[in-house]
C-alpha atoms as a PDB file:
ATOM      1  CA  MET A   1      37.591   6.470 -30.768  1.00  0.00           C
ATOM      2  CA  LEU A   2      34.267   7.842 -29.529  1.00  0.00           C
ATOM      3  CA  SER A   3      31.295   5.556 -29.192  1.00  0.00           C
ATOM      4  CA  ALA A   4      27.685   6.444 -29.968  1.00  0.00           C
ATOM      5  CA  PRO A   5      25.672   7.849 -27.047  1.00  0.00           C
ATOM      6  CA  GLY A   6      23.314   5.504 -25.235  1.00  0.00           C
ATOM      7  CA  PRO A   7      19.556   5.567 -25.822  1.00  0.00           C
ATOM      8  CA  ARG A   8      18.907   7.682 -22.716  1.00  0.00           C
ATOM      9  CA  VAL A   9      21.395  10.345 -23.787  1.00  0.00           C
ATOM     10  CA  ALA A  10      19.991  10.378 -27.322  1.00  0.00           C
ATOM     11  CA  ALA A  11      16.424  10.707 -25.966  1.00  0.00           C
ATOM     12  CA  ALA A  12      17.421  13.560 -23.651  1.00  0.00           C
ATOM     13  CA  LEU A  13      19.191  15.432 -26.458  1.00  0.00           C
ATOM     14  CA  SER A  14      16.199  14.927 -28.753  1.00  0.00           C
ATOM     15  CA  LEU A  15      13.844  16.303 -26.095  1.00  0.00           C
ATOM     16  CA  LEU A  16      16.108  19.313 -25.586  1.00  0.00           C
ATOM     17  CA  LEU A  17      16.216  20.011 -29.323  1.00  0.00           C
ATOM     18  CA  VAL A  18      12.437  19.708 -29.744  1.00  0.00           C
ATOM     19  CA  SER A  19      11.804  21.909 -26.670  1.00  0.00           C
ATOM     20  CA  SER A  20      14.105  24.639 -27.947  1.00  0.00           C
ATOM     21  CA  VAL A  21      12.309  24.703 -31.301  1.00  0.00           C
ATOM     22  CA  VAL A  22       8.714  24.454 -30.018  1.00  0.00           C
ATOM     23  CA  PHE A  23       8.951  26.716 -26.961  1.00  0.00           C
ATOM     24  CA  ASN A  24      11.035  29.566 -28.359  1.00  0.00           C
ATOM     25  CA  GLU A  25       8.479  32.367 -27.971  1.00  0.00           C
ATOM     26  CA  PRO A  26       8.447  34.582 -24.855  1.00  0.00           C
ATOM     27  CA  ILE A  27       5.973  33.564 -22.177  1.00  0.00           C
ATOM     28  CA  ALA A  28       3.125  36.015 -21.590  1.00  0.00           C
ATOM     29  CA  GLY A  29       4.075  38.473 -18.883  1.00  0.00           C
ATOM     30  CA  GLN A  30       7.790  37.922 -19.343  1.00  0.00           C
ATOM     31  CA  GLY A  31       9.507  41.198 -18.581  1.00  0.00           C
ATOM     32  CA  VAL A  32      12.551  42.866 -20.051  1.00  0.00           C
ATOM     33  CA  SER A  33      14.856  41.696 -17.284  1.00  0.00           C
ATOM     34  CA  GLN A  34      15.747  38.305 -15.837  1.00  0.00           C
ATOM     35  CA  PHE A  35      17.389  37.228 -12.606  1.00  0.00           C
ATOM     36  CA  ALA A  36      18.105  33.677 -11.502  1.00  0.00           C
ATOM     37  CA  LEU A  37      20.013  31.746  -8.848  1.00  0.00           C
ATOM     38  CA  ALA A  38      20.953  28.079  -8.987  1.00  0.00           C
ATOM     39  CA  SER A  39      22.987  25.620  -6.954  1.00  0.00           C
ATOM     40  CA  GLY A  40      24.026  22.017  -7.257  1.00  0.00           C
ATOM     41  CA  ALA A  41      26.603  19.342  -6.597  1.00  0.00           C
ATOM     42  CA  THR A  42      29.816  18.815  -8.540  1.00  0.00           C
ATOM     43  CA  VAL A  43      30.843  15.189  -8.913  1.00  0.00           C
ATOM     44  CA  PRO A  44      34.501  14.627  -9.825  1.00  0.00           C
ATOM     45  CA  THR A  45      35.190  11.858 -12.331  1.00  0.00           C
ATOM     46  CA  GLY A  46      38.249  10.222 -13.869  1.00  0.00           C
ATOM     47  CA  ALA A  47      41.640  11.590 -12.850  1.00  0.00           C
ATOM     48  CA  PHE A  48      39.979  14.541 -11.077  1.00  0.00           C
ATOM     49  CA  HIS A  49      38.460  12.027  -8.619  1.00  0.00           C
ATOM     50  CA  SER A  50      41.351   9.630  -8.097  1.00  0.00           C
ATOM     51  CA  GLY A  51      44.450  10.396 -10.139  1.00  0.00           C
ATOM     52  CA  PRO A  52      48.003   9.275  -9.388  1.00  0.00           C
ATOM     53  CA  LEU A  53      48.468  12.211  -6.975  1.00  0.00           C
ATOM     54  CA  GLY A  54      45.075  11.871  -5.283  1.00  0.00           C
ATOM     55  CA  GLY A  55      41.857  13.627  -6.113  1.00  0.00           C
ATOM     56  CA  PHE A  56      38.849  15.570  -4.941  1.00  0.00           C
ATOM     57  CA  ASN A  57      35.553  14.883  -3.164  1.00  0.00           C
ATOM     58  CA  VAL A  58      32.024  15.830  -4.188  1.00  0.00           C
ATOM     59  CA  GLY A  59      31.654  19.595  -3.964  1.00  0.00           C
ATOM     60  CA  TRP A  60      29.143  22.331  -4.621  1.00  0.00           C
ATOM     61  CA  GLN A  61      28.440  24.889  -7.338  1.00  0.00           C
ATOM     62  CA  GLY A  62      26.488  28.132  -7.376  1.00  0.00           C
ATOM     63  CA  MET A  63      25.296  30.217 -10.320  1.00  0.00           C
ATOM     64  CA  ALA A  64      23.665  33.606 -10.808  1.00  0.00           C
ATOM     65  CA  LEU A  65      22.483  35.303 -13.975  1.00  0.00           C
ATOM     66  CA  VAL A  66      21.174  38.699 -14.946  1.00  0.00           C
ATOM     67  CA  GLY A  67      19.589  39.372 -18.330  1.00  0.00           C
ATOM     68  CA  LEU A  68      18.415  42.653 -19.847  1.00  0.00           C
ATOM     69  CA  LYS A  69      16.510  43.282 -23.073  1.00  0.00           C
ATOM     70  CA  LEU A  70      15.002  46.358 -24.666  1.00  0.00           C
ATOM     71  CA  PRO A  71      11.219  45.947 -25.038  1.00  0.00           C
ATOM     72  CA  ALA A  72      11.164  46.398 -28.821  1.00  0.00           C
ATOM     73  CA  SER A  73      14.304  44.369 -29.515  1.00  0.00           C
ATOM     74  CA  ARG A  74      14.872  40.624 -29.966  1.00  0.00           C
ATOM     75  CA  VAL A  75      18.490  41.039 -28.838  1.00  0.00           C
ATOM     76  CA  GLY A  76      19.504  41.298 -25.207  1.00  0.00           C
ATOM     77  CA  LEU A  77      22.484  41.089 -22.885  1.00  0.00           C
ATOM     78  CA  ARG A  78      22.985  38.308 -20.345  1.00  0.00           C
ATOM     79  CA  MET A  79      25.732  37.785 -17.767  1.00  0.00           C
ATOM     80  CA  ASP A  80      26.264  34.454 -15.990  1.00  0.00           C
ATOM     81  CA  VAL A  81      28.503  33.985 -12.957  1.00  0.00           C
ATOM     82  CA  THR A  82      29.429  30.493 -11.755  1.00  0.00           C
ATOM     83  CA  TYR A  83      31.535  29.369  -8.790  1.00  0.00           C
ATOM     84  CA  GLY A  84      32.278  25.870  -7.581  1.00  0.00           C
ATOM     85  CA  ALA A  85      34.505  24.192  -4.999  1.00  0.00           C
ATOM     86  CA  ASN A  86      35.693  20.623  -4.454  1.00  0.00           C
ATOM     87  CA  GLY A  87      37.662  19.680  -1.338  1.00  0.00           C
ATOM     88  CA  ALA A  88      40.692  17.407  -1.606  1.00  0.00           C
ATOM     89  CA  ASN A  89      40.185  13.784  -0.573  1.00  0.00           C
ATOM     90  CA  ASN A  90      42.350  12.185   2.147  1.00  0.00           C
ATOM     91  CA  GLN A  91      44.848  10.709  -0.337  1.00  0.00           C
ATOM     92  CA  PHE A  92      45.451  14.133  -1.883  1.00  0.00           C
ATOM     93  CA  LYS A  93      45.807  15.847   1.505  1.00  0.00           C
ATOM     94  CA  THR A  94      48.739  13.640   2.524  1.00  0.00           C
ATOM     95  CA  ILE A  95      50.922  14.760  -0.407  1.00  0.00           C
END
C-alpha cells in the first residue's frame, strides 16, 4: 500500500504546479529554437544499489535537448537525449 507523500514532497509538487500555470507564456526574446545541456549524478537505491547479486555505485548522467517551433505556431518539436552510467560496486564485480 502506498503512503501519502511527506510535507516537503507535497510542497514541491504544489510549487511545480503553480509555476507551470503562472509562468506558461513565452519569455520576451525567446526564439523559435532551443538548445540545452545538463548533467548530474545518478544515485542507485533499493536492489539497484545492493541486491542479492551486488549492486552499483553512484554514477553520472548527461542530457541534451533541441527544440524547434514555427514562429506563428503554438506547436513545436522537441528531441531529448539522455545517457547515464553507473559502475558496479566491489560486491558485484566479484560475481
